[in-house]
Amino acid sequence: MEGNFFEPITGRLREIKVVTRQTADGRGSVSFRNFLIEFPLNAKITIGKLLGVKTLEEDYLLLEIADFLPVHYGMINLDSSIPKEIRDEIMRKVEESWGKDESESWLEVYAYPVGYLFNLRQGKFIKGYVPPIPGSVVHILSRDAYKQFVCIPDGINIGKIIGEDLDLTINLEKALTYHIGVFAFTGSGKSNLSAVIIRRALSKGVKVVIFDISMEYAVLLLDQLLTRNSRLITLDRLPANKVDVSRRFLRTHVIPEEMMKLRRKLSIAFRRYFPQIR
């Protein structure tokens, strides 16, 4: 079972850090665990990959990769206190040695627990956390194991998982029934993902109400507005003709960079949405 669950390339858990930071309002603090893992340079590492490391109870704690960077032994203690000429010479030699002597370089991987364990004896995932064993082997989950953990069999496809070449399938009923949130940095695709989920919901006959504070979804879902029995409610006073209405919508709504070349088609489509305006 272990051979099917993990990829052949492994790393080592070097360090576990507990990081504590103040909350944004300064009234409290949040603590979280960071795991530092060393992998060989030829490991196929991507952000978001899942790892498994053995715990004190013989289960495998699941970790998700948050970041990674290549590290060379020759630069560990290289700081500004060393004369510049010496620093330049050390860095020149380090640059020349990349890819030649893998014993002096590695990938430093930063990961965090996702709140699940894998029980190898039962062959299933269970919620929980048990401390891993420092210095122990860290495995990369295989494609099939990743799919088993992340994807829902016969679920609704909402796109590809980056780095895994897998379709991400979800239980749409649970996604709509329970509270869910989409969190990421600005520009990473939160609104686009939400629009995809809304499309899937509309295709199943679900009625949707969107409070479009950032003025994004009328563009992302314009084809749905035009082809379905939809209503767009605004507090703005609309111009008296379709051309000015479409210009205002283009000016006030966020248009993704990939759709900028479609501005003229968007303008024409917006005019179609207001047939009562001449």
C-alpha atoms as a PDB file:
ATOM      1  CA  MET A   1       0.000   0.000   0.000  1.00  0.00           C
ATOM      2  CA  GLU A   2       2.796   2.418   0.886  1.00  0.00           C
ATOM      3  CA  GLY A   3       4.342   2.063  -2.554  1.00  0.00           C
ATOM      4  CA  ASN A   4       1.053   3.013  -4.254  1.00  0.00           C
ATOM      5  CA  PHE A   5       0.413   5.888  -1.895  1.00  0.00           C
ATOM      6  CA  PHE A   6       3.764   7.696  -2.221  1.00  0.00           C
ATOM      7  CA  GLU A   7       6.134   8.828  -4.967  1.00  0.00           C
ATOM      8  CA  PRO A   8       9.624   7.225  -4.944  1.00  0.00           C
ATOM      9  CA  ILE A   9      11.577  10.450  -4.200  1.00  0.00           C
ATOM     10  CA  THR A  10      11.665  11.331  -0.502  1.00  0.00           C
ATOM     11  CA  GLY A  11      12.902  14.119   1.755  1.00  0.00           C
ATOM     12  CA  ARG A  12      13.713  14.559   5.446  1.00  0.00           C
ATOM     13  CA  LEU A  13      11.897  16.587   8.100  1.00  0.00           C
ATOM     14  CA  ARG A  14      14.594  18.868   9.494  1.00  0.00           C
ATOM     15  CA  GLU A  15      12.740  21.258  11.750  1.00  0.00           C
ATOM     16  CA  ILE A  16       9.338  22.122  13.210  1.00  0.00           C
ATOM     17  CA  LYS A  17       8.674  25.756  14.101  1.00  0.00           C
ATOM     18  CA  VAL A  18       5.743  27.253  15.979  1.00  0.00           C
ATOM     19  CA  VAL A  19       5.228  30.807  14.702  1.00  0.00           C
ATOM     20  CA  THR A  20       3.084  33.271  16.662  1.00  0.00           C
ATOM     21  CA  ARG A  21       1.814  36.509  15.149  1.00  0.00           C
ATOM     22  CA  GLN A  22      -0.521  39.254  16.274  1.00  0.00           C
ATOM     23  CA  THR A  23      -3.946  39.527  14.684  1.00  0.00           C
ATOM     24  CA  ALA A  24      -4.674  42.511  12.431  1.00  0.00           C
ATOM     25  CA  ASP A  25      -6.551  44.350  15.194  1.00  0.00           C
ATOM     26  CA  GLY A  26      -3.704  43.801  17.670  1.00  0.00           C
ATOM     27  CA  ARG A  27      -6.022  42.286  20.275  1.00  0.00           C
ATOM     28  CA  GLY A  28      -4.888  38.700  20.028  1.00  0.00           C
ATOM     29  CA  SER A  29      -2.389  36.332  18.481  1.00  0.00           C
ATOM     30  CA  VAL A  30      -2.412  33.369  16.138  1.00  0.00           C
ATOM     31  CA  SER A  31       0.023  30.451  16.295  1.00  0.00           C
ATOM     32  CA  PHE A  32       0.707  28.032  13.468  1.00  0.00           C
ATOM     33  CA  ARG A  33       3.237  25.329  12.692  1.00  0.00           C
ATOM     34  CA  ASN A  34       5.862  25.546   9.972  1.00  0.00           C
ATOM     35  CA  PHE A  35       7.640  22.398   8.808  1.00  0.00           C
ATOM     36  CA  LEU A  36      11.061  22.665   7.156  1.00  0.00           C
ATOM     37  CA  ILE A  37      11.874  19.745   4.883  1.00  0.00           C
ATOM     38  CA  GLU A  38      14.896  18.964   2.724  1.00  0.00           C
ATOM     39  CA  PHE A  39      14.296  17.397  -0.693  1.00  0.00           C
ATOM     40  CA  PRO A  40      16.831  16.625  -3.439  1.00  0.00           C
ATOM     41  CA  LEU A  41      17.009  19.157  -6.267  1.00  0.00           C
ATOM     42  CA  ASN A  42      15.506  16.692  -8.759  1.00  0.00           C
ATOM     43  CA  ALA A  43      12.304  16.299  -6.729  1.00  0.00           C
ATOM     44  CA  LYS A  44       9.200  17.384  -8.649  1.00  0.00           C
ATOM     45  CA  ILE A  45       8.042  19.946  -6.112  1.00  0.00           C
ATOM     46  CA  THR A  46       5.243  22.451  -6.709  1.00  0.00           C
ATOM     47  CA  ILE A  47       3.328  24.701  -4.329  1.00  0.00           C
ATOM     48  CA  GLY A  48       0.180  22.908  -3.186  1.00  0.00           C
ATOM     49  CA  LYS A  49       1.582  19.373  -3.360  1.00  0.00           C
ATOM     50  CA  LEU A  50       0.701  17.114  -0.465  1.00  0.00           C
ATOM     51  CA  LEU A  51       3.282  15.325   1.665  1.00  0.00           C
ATOM     52  CA  GLY A  52       3.098  12.564   4.257  1.00  0.00           C
ATOM     53  CA  VAL A  53       5.394  12.224   7.278  1.00  0.00           C
ATOM     54  CA  LYS A  54       5.245   9.472   9.894  1.00  0.00           C
ATOM     55  CA  THR A  55       3.940  10.411  13.343  1.00  0.00           C
ATOM     56  CA  LEU A  56       4.449   9.034  16.856  1.00  0.00           C
ATOM     57  CA  GLU A  57       1.364   6.856  16.350  1.00  0.00           C
ATOM     58  CA  GLU A  58       2.610   5.359  13.055  1.00  0.00           C
ATOM     59  CA  ASP A  59       0.054   7.296  10.979  1.00  0.00           C
ATOM     60  CA  TYR A  60       1.161   9.800   8.340  1.00  0.00           C
ATOM     61  CA  LEU A  61       0.508  13.487   8.947  1.00  0.00           C
ATOM     62  CA  LEU A  62      -0.523  15.247   5.736  1.00  0.00           C
ATOM     63  CA  LEU A  63       1.271  18.509   4.905  1.00  0.00           C
ATOM     64  CA  GLU A  64       0.744  20.994   2.084  1.00  0.00           C
ATOM     65  CA  ILE A  65       3.694  22.769   0.463  1.00  0.00           C
ATOM     66  CA  ALA A  66       3.460  26.547   0.876  1.00  0.00           C
ATOM     67  CA  ASP A  67       6.823  27.497  -0.634  1.00  0.00           C
ATOM     68  CA  PHE A  68      10.255  26.127  -1.567  1.00  0.00           C
ATOM     69  CA  LEU A  69      13.646  27.420  -2.658  1.00  0.00           C
ATOM     70  CA  PRO A  70      17.011  25.958  -3.672  1.00  0.00           C
ATOM     71  CA  VAL A  71      19.718  26.124  -0.998  1.00  0.00           C
ATOM     72  CA  HIS A  72      23.487  25.646  -1.311  1.00  0.00           C
ATOM     73  CA  TYR A  73      25.661  24.642   1.630  1.00  0.00           C
ATOM     74  CA  GLY A  74      28.345  27.120   0.604  1.00  0.00           C
ATOM     75  CA  MET A  75      26.050  30.109   1.212  1.00  0.00           C
ATOM     76  CA  ILE A  76      24.518  29.178   4.566  1.00  0.00           C
ATOM     77  CA  ASN A  77      26.776  31.462   6.642  1.00  0.00           C
ATOM     78  CA  LEU A  78      27.392  34.050   3.934  1.00  0.00           C
ATOM     79  CA  ASP A  79      26.410  37.464   5.279  1.00  0.00           C
ATOM     80  CA  SER A  80      27.397  41.138   4.962  1.00  0.00           C
ATOM     81  CA  SER A  81      30.110  40.822   7.641  1.00  0.00           C
ATOM     82  CA  ILE A  82      32.294  38.941   5.138  1.00  0.00           C
ATOM     83  CA  PRO A  83      34.350  41.199   2.818  1.00  0.00           C
ATOM     84  CA  LYS A  84      32.757  41.755  -0.569  1.00  0.00           C
ATOM     85  CA  GLU A  85      35.654  40.243  -2.530  1.00  0.00           C
ATOM     86  CA  ILE A  86      35.345  37.011  -0.567  1.00  0.00           C
ATOM     87  CA  ARG A  87      31.539  36.990  -0.914  1.00  0.00           C
ATOM     88  CA  ASP A  88      31.814  37.417  -4.678  1.00  0.00           C
ATOM     89  CA  GLU A  89      34.314  34.553  -4.950  1.00  0.00           C
ATOM     90  CA  ILE A  90      32.162  32.233  -2.841  1.00  0.00           C
ATOM     91  CA  MET A  91      29.052  33.039  -4.871  1.00  0.00           C
ATOM     92  CA  ARG A  92      30.949  32.512  -8.127  1.00  0.00           C
ATOM     93  CA  LYS A  93      32.021  29.041  -7.008  1.00  0.00           C
ATOM     94  CA  VAL A  94      28.501  28.261  -5.777  1.00  0.00           C
ATOM     95  CA  GLU A  95      27.049  29.291  -9.149  1.00  0.00           C
ATOM     96  CA  GLU A  96      29.504  27.044 -10.977  1.00  0.00           C
ATOM     97  CA  SER A  97      28.712  24.063  -8.755  1.00  0.00           C
ATOM     98  CA  TRP A  98      24.918  24.083  -9.244  1.00  0.00           C
ATOM     99  CA  GLY A  99      23.856  20.831 -10.871  1.00  0.00           C
ATOM    100  CA  LYS A 100      27.327  19.283 -10.586  1.00  0.00           C
ATOM    101  CA  ASP A 101      27.537  18.260  -6.938  1.00  0.00           C
ATOM    102  CA  GLU A 102      24.082  17.555  -5.542  1.00  0.00           C
ATOM    103  CA  SER A 103      25.512  16.635  -2.142  1.00  0.00           C
ATOM    104  CA  GLU A 104      26.022  20.344  -1.433  1.00  0.00           C
ATOM    105  CA  SER A 105      22.593  21.604  -2.522  1.00  0.00           C
ATOM    106  CA  TRP A 106      18.949  20.787  -1.900  1.00  0.00           C
ATOM    107  CA  LEU A 107      15.408  22.119  -1.997  1.00  0.00           C
ATOM    108  CA  GLU A 108      14.236  23.708   1.235  1.00  0.00           C
ATOM    109  CA  VAL A 109      10.500  23.114   1.463  1.00  0.00           C
ATOM    110  CA  TYR A 110       8.109  24.973   3.764  1.00  0.00           C
ATOM    111  CA  ALA A 111       4.888  23.106   4.540  1.00  0.00           C
ATOM    112  CA  TYR A 112       2.036  23.159   7.020  1.00  0.00           C
ATOM    113  CA  PRO A 113      -0.492  20.546   8.257  1.00  0.00           C
ATOM    114  CA  VAL A 114      -3.913  20.347   6.580  1.00  0.00           C
ATOM    115  CA  GLY A 115      -5.674  18.742   9.560  1.00  0.00           C
ATOM    116  CA  TYR A 116      -5.698  15.160   8.284  1.00  0.00           C
ATOM    117  CA  LEU A 117      -3.797  11.930   8.877  1.00  0.00           C
ATOM    118  CA  PHE A 118      -3.455   8.908   6.638  1.00  0.00           C
ATOM    119  CA  ASN A 119      -3.879   5.585   8.403  1.00  0.00           C
ATOM    120  CA  LEU A 120      -1.763   3.152   6.432  1.00  0.00           C
ATOM    121  CA  ARG A 121      -3.251   0.063   8.110  1.00  0.00           C
ATOM    122  CA  GLN A 122      -6.839   1.035   7.305  1.00  0.00           C
ATOM    123  CA  GLY A 123      -5.950   2.747   4.053  1.00  0.00           C
ATOM    124  CA  LYS A 124      -8.063   5.846   4.736  1.00  0.00           C
ATOM    125  CA  PHE A 125      -7.831   9.523   5.656  1.00  0.00           C
ATOM    126  CA  ILE A 126      -8.959  10.689   9.085  1.00  0.00           C
ATOM    127  CA  LYS A 127      -9.232  14.147  10.638  1.00  0.00           C
ATOM    128  CA  GLY A 128      -6.687  14.966  13.317  1.00  0.00           C
ATOM    129  CA  TYR A 129      -3.171  16.013  14.206  1.00  0.00           C
ATOM    130  CA  VAL A 130      -0.342  13.985  15.735  1.00  0.00           C
ATOM    131  CA  PRO A 131       3.209  15.412  15.952  1.00  0.00           C
ATOM    132  CA  PRO A 132       5.564  13.991  13.328  1.00  0.00           C
ATOM    133  CA  ILE A 133       8.996  12.576  14.112  1.00  0.00           C
ATOM    134  CA  PRO A 134      11.821  15.063  13.333  1.00  0.00           C
ATOM    135  CA  GLY A 135      14.465  13.612  11.046  1.00  0.00           C
ATOM    136  CA  SER A 136      12.064  11.084   9.565  1.00  0.00           C
ATOM    137  CA  VAL A 137      11.399  10.447   5.892  1.00  0.00           C
ATOM    138  CA  VAL A 138       8.877  12.734   4.155  1.00  0.00           C
ATOM    139  CA  HIS A 139       6.959  11.292   1.212  1.00  0.00           C
ATOM    140  CA  ILE A 140       5.208  12.975  -1.719  1.00  0.00           C
ATOM    141  CA  LEU A 141       1.665  11.727  -2.226  1.00  0.00           C
ATOM    142  CA  SER A 142       1.161   9.906  -5.496  1.00  0.00           C
ATOM    143  CA  ARG A 143      -1.260  11.179  -8.124  1.00  0.00           C
ATOM    144  CA  ASP A 144      -3.847   8.528  -7.216  1.00  0.00           C
ATOM    145  CA  ALA A 145      -3.556   9.266  -3.486  1.00  0.00           C
ATOM    146  CA  TYR A 146      -3.888  13.004  -4.128  1.00  0.00           C
ATOM    147  CA  LYS A 147      -7.008  12.373  -6.212  1.00  0.00           C
ATOM    148  CA  GLN A 148      -8.475  10.128  -3.521  1.00  0.00           C
ATOM    149  CA  PHE A 149      -7.966  12.824  -0.865  1.00  0.00           C
ATOM    150  CA  VAL A 150      -8.927  15.970  -2.799  1.00  0.00           C
ATOM    151  CA  CYS A 151     -11.435  14.957  -5.487  1.00  0.00           C
ATOM    152  CA  ILE A 152     -15.000  13.709  -5.104  1.00  0.00           C
ATOM    153  CA  PRO A 153     -15.891  10.655  -7.240  1.00  0.00           C
ATOM    154  CA  ASP A 154     -18.519  11.593  -9.854  1.00  0.00           C
ATOM    155  CA  GLY A 155     -18.420  15.187  -8.604  1.00  0.00           C
ATOM    156  CA  ILE A 156     -18.795  18.425 -10.576  1.00  0.00           C
ATOM    157  CA  ASN A 157     -15.641  19.403 -12.471  1.00  0.00           C
ATOM    158  CA  ILE A 158     -14.582  23.010 -11.760  1.00  0.00           C
ATOM    159  CA  GLY A 159     -11.135  23.008 -13.425  1.00  0.00           C
ATOM    160  CA  LYS A 160      -7.633  21.567 -13.420  1.00  0.00           C
ATOM    161  CA  ILE A 161      -5.416  21.215 -10.352  1.00  0.00           C
ATOM    162  CA  ILE A 162      -2.117  22.985 -11.051  1.00  0.00           C
ATOM    163  CA  GLY A 163       0.862  20.651 -10.847  1.00  0.00           C
ATOM    164  CA  GLU A 164      -1.227  17.475 -10.686  1.00  0.00           C
ATOM    165  CA  ASP A 165      -2.867  17.259 -14.145  1.00  0.00           C
ATOM    166  CA  LEU A 166      -6.128  16.314 -12.436  1.00  0.00           C
ATOM    167  CA  ASP A 167      -9.678  17.547 -12.794  1.00  0.00           C
ATOM    168  CA  LEU A 168     -10.882  19.035  -9.504  1.00  0.00           C
ATOM    169  CA  THR A 169     -14.306  17.574  -8.789  1.00  0.00           C
ATOM    170  CA  ILE A 170     -16.437  18.758  -5.887  1.00  0.00           C
ATOM    171  CA  ASN A 171     -19.737  17.885  -4.237  1.00  0.00           C
ATOM    172  CA  LEU A 172     -21.773  20.844  -5.476  1.00  0.00           C
ATOM    173  CA  GLU A 173     -24.663  20.180  -3.091  1.00  0.00           C
ATOM    174  CA  LYS A 174     -22.387  20.346  -0.036  1.00  0.00           C
ATOM    175  CA  ALA A 175     -20.592  23.398  -1.436  1.00  0.00           C
ATOM    176  CA  LEU A 176     -23.912  25.234  -1.667  1.00  0.00           C
ATOM    177  CA  THR A 177     -25.489  23.858   1.514  1.00  0.00           C
ATOM    178  CA  TYR A 178     -22.627  24.646   3.898  1.00  0.00           C
ATOM    179  CA  HIS A 179     -20.667  27.851   4.422  1.00  0.00           C
ATOM    180  CA  ILE A 180     -17.618  28.011   2.164  1.00  0.00           C
ATOM    181  CA  GLY A 181     -15.000  30.689   1.589  1.00  0.00           C
ATOM    182  CA  VAL A 182     -12.470  31.415  -1.147  1.00  0.00           C
ATOM    183  CA  PHE A 183      -9.325  33.090   0.170  1.00  0.00           C
ATOM    184  CA  ALA A 184      -6.219  34.104  -1.763  1.00  0.00           C
ATOM    185  CA  PHE A 185      -4.076  37.084  -2.695  1.00  0.00           C
ATOM    186  CA  THR A 186      -5.402  39.818  -4.983  1.00  0.00           C
ATOM    187  CA  GLY A 187      -5.327  38.725  -8.613  1.00  0.00           C
ATOM    188  CA  SER A 188      -5.046  35.008  -7.888  1.00  0.00           C
ATOM    189  CA  GLY A 189      -8.482  34.124  -9.291  1.00  0.00           C
ATOM    190  CA  LYS A 190     -11.013  34.159  -6.420  1.00  0.00           C
ATOM    191  CA  SER A 191     -13.762  35.819  -8.451  1.00  0.00           C
ATOM    192  CA  ASN A 192     -13.108  33.603 -11.459  1.00  0.00           C
ATOM    193  CA  LEU A 193     -13.353  30.451  -9.318  1.00  0.00           C
ATOM    194  CA  SER A 194     -16.554  31.734  -7.701  1.00  0.00           C
ATOM    195  CA  ALA A 195     -17.983  32.454 -11.156  1.00  0.00           C
ATOM    196  CA  VAL A 196     -17.175  28.895 -12.268  1.00  0.00           C
ATOM    197  CA  ILE A 197     -18.976  27.454  -9.232  1.00  0.00           C
ATOM    198  CA  ILE A 198     -21.958  29.741  -9.920  1.00  0.00           C
ATOM    199  CA  ARG A 199     -22.062  28.516 -13.533  1.00  0.00           C
ATOM    200  CA  ARG A 200     -22.160  24.902 -12.355  1.00  0.00           C
ATOM    201  CA  ALA A 201     -24.930  25.774  -9.887  1.00  0.00           C
ATOM    202  CA  LEU A 202     -26.980  27.533 -12.585  1.00  0.00           C
ATOM    203  CA  SER A 203     -26.636  24.503 -14.857  1.00  0.00           C
ATOM    204  CA  LYS A 204     -28.307  22.434 -12.110  1.00  0.00           C
ATOM    205  CA  GLY A 205     -31.270  24.807 -11.857  1.00  0.00           C
ATOM    206  CA  VAL A 206     -30.117  26.613  -8.714  1.00  0.00           C
ATOM    207  CA  LYS A 207     -31.214  30.239  -8.314  1.00  0.00           C
ATOM    208  CA  VAL A 208     -28.362  32.583  -7.376  1.00  0.00           C
ATOM    209  CA  VAL A 209     -28.244  36.080  -5.871  1.00  0.00           C
ATOM    210  CA  ILE A 210     -24.910  37.945  -6.149  1.00  0.00           C
ATOM    211  CA  PHE A 211     -24.031  41.077  -4.184  1.00  0.00           C
ATOM    212  CA  ASP A 212     -21.396  42.386  -6.580  1.00  0.00           C
ATOM    213  CA  ILE A 213     -19.552  44.886  -4.387  1.00  0.00           C
ATOM    214  CA  SER A 214     -16.413  44.916  -6.546  1.00  0.00           C
ATOM    215  CA  MET A 215     -18.339  45.098  -9.849  1.00  0.00           C
ATOM    216  CA  GLU A 216     -16.875  41.934 -11.377  1.00  0.00           C
ATOM    217  CA  TYR A 217     -19.562  39.318 -11.912  1.00  0.00           C
ATOM    218  CA  ALA A 218     -21.674  41.092 -14.547  1.00  0.00           C
ATOM    219  CA  VAL A 219     -18.673  40.677 -16.866  1.00  0.00           C
ATOM    220  CA  LEU A 220     -17.653  37.184 -15.731  1.00  0.00           C
ATOM    221  CA  LEU A 221     -21.239  35.904 -16.043  1.00  0.00           C
ATOM    222  CA  LEU A 222     -22.517  38.133 -18.852  1.00  0.00           C
ATOM    223  CA  ASP A 223     -23.412  35.196 -21.097  1.00  0.00           C
ATOM    224  CA  GLN A 224     -25.511  33.735 -18.263  1.00  0.00           C
ATOM    225  CA  LEU A 225     -27.283  37.058 -17.751  1.00  0.00           C
ATOM    226  CA  LEU A 226     -28.163  37.152 -21.443  1.00  0.00           C
ATOM    227  CA  THR A 227     -29.319  33.542 -21.818  1.00  0.00           C
ATOM    228  CA  ARG A 228     -31.201  33.051 -18.532  1.00  0.00           C
ATOM    229  CA  ASN A 229     -34.137  34.739 -16.856  1.00  0.00           C
ATOM    230  CA  SER A 230     -31.988  37.195 -14.910  1.00  0.00           C
ATOM    231  CA  ARG A 231     -32.207  40.603 -13.289  1.00  0.00           C
ATOM    232  CA  LEU A 232     -29.491  43.164 -12.713  1.00  0.00           C
ATOM    233  CA  ILE A 233     -30.333  45.679  -9.982  1.00  0.00           C
ATOM    234  CA  THR A 234     -28.346  48.904  -9.548  1.00  0.00           C
ATOM    235  CA  LEU A 235     -28.778  52.082  -7.515  1.00  0.00           C
ATOM    236  CA  ASP A 236     -27.147  54.170 -10.254  1.00  0.00           C
ATOM    237  CA  ARG A 237     -29.270  56.317 -12.545  1.00  0.00           C
ATOM    238  CA  LEU A 238     -28.812  54.836 -16.004  1.00  0.00           C
ATOM    239  CA  PRO A 239     -28.273  56.956 -19.133  1.00  0.00           C
ATOM    240  CA  ALA A 240     -31.132  57.317 -21.584  1.00  0.00           C
ATOM    241  CA  ASN A 241     -29.560  55.336 -24.453  1.00  0.00           C
ATOM    242  CA  LYS A 242     -27.966  51.903 -24.842  1.00  0.00           C
ATOM    243  CA  VAL A 243     -24.578  53.178 -26.016  1.00  0.00           C
ATOM    244  CA  ASP A 244     -24.045  55.292 -22.911  1.00  0.00           C
ATOM    245  CA  VAL A 245     -25.295  52.458 -20.681  1.00  0.00           C
ATOM    246  CA  SER A 246     -22.769  50.032 -22.135  1.00  0.00           C
ATOM    247  CA  ARG A 247     -19.980  52.603 -21.807  1.00  0.00           C
ATOM    248  CA  ARG A 248     -20.834  53.160 -18.136  1.00  0.00           C
ATOM    249  CA  PHE A 249     -20.832  49.422 -17.437  1.00  0.00           C
ATOM    250  CA  LEU A 250     -17.464  48.976 -19.109  1.00  0.00           C
ATOM    251  CA  ARG A 251     -16.102  51.929 -17.151  1.00  0.00           C
ATOM    252  CA  THR A 252     -17.427  50.839 -13.754  1.00  0.00           C
ATOM    253  CA  HIS A 253     -16.891  47.073 -13.981  1.00  0.00           C
ATOM    254  CA  VAL A 254     -13.653  45.147 -13.605  1.00  0.00           C
ATOM    255  CA  ILE A 255     -12.592  43.510 -16.868  1.00  0.00           C
ATOM    256  CA  PRO A 256     -10.021  40.679 -16.581  1.00  0.00           C
ATOM    257  CA  GLU A 257      -6.840  41.291 -18.537  1.00  0.00           C
ATOM    258  CA  GLU A 258      -7.536  38.227 -20.703  1.00  0.00           C
ATOM    259  CA  MET A 259     -10.851  39.787 -21.785  1.00  0.00           C
ATOM    260  CA  MET A 260      -9.610  43.292 -22.599  1.00  0.00           C
ATOM    261  CA  LYS A 261      -9.459  42.450 -26.299  1.00  0.00           C
ATOM    262  CA  LEU A 262     -13.204  41.676 -26.127  1.00  0.00           C
ATOM    263  CA  ARG A 263     -14.224  45.142 -24.944  1.00  0.00           C
ATOM    264  CA  ARG A 264     -16.197  45.884 -28.119  1.00  0.00           C
ATOM    265  CA  LYS A 265     -18.101  42.589 -27.906  1.00  0.00           C
ATOM    266  CA  LEU A 266     -18.779  43.215 -24.217  1.00  0.00           C
ATOM    267  CA  SER A 267     -20.131  46.658 -25.049  1.00  0.00           C
ATOM    268  CA  ILE A 268     -22.508  45.229 -27.651  1.00  0.00           C
ATOM    269  CA  ALA A 269     -23.618  42.497 -25.231  1.00  0.00           C
ATOM    270  CA  PHE A 270     -24.350  45.049 -22.507  1.00  0.00           C
ATOM    271  CA  ARG A 271     -26.624  46.909 -24.929  1.00  0.00           C
ATOM    272  CA  ARG A 272     -28.596  43.705 -25.510  1.00  0.00           C
ATOM    273  CA  TYR A 273     -29.171  43.361 -21.772  1.00  0.00           C
ATOM    274  CA  PHE A 274     -31.190  46.584 -21.608  1.00  0.00           C
ATOM    275  CA  PRO A 275     -33.813  46.220 -24.362  1.00  0.00           C
ATOM    276  CA  GLN A 276     -36.105  48.762 -22.677  1.00  0.00           C
ATOM    277  CA  ILE A 277     -33.528  51.511 -23.274  1.00  0.00           C
ATOM    278  CA  ARG A 278     -33.472  52.824 -26.832  1.00  0.00           C
END
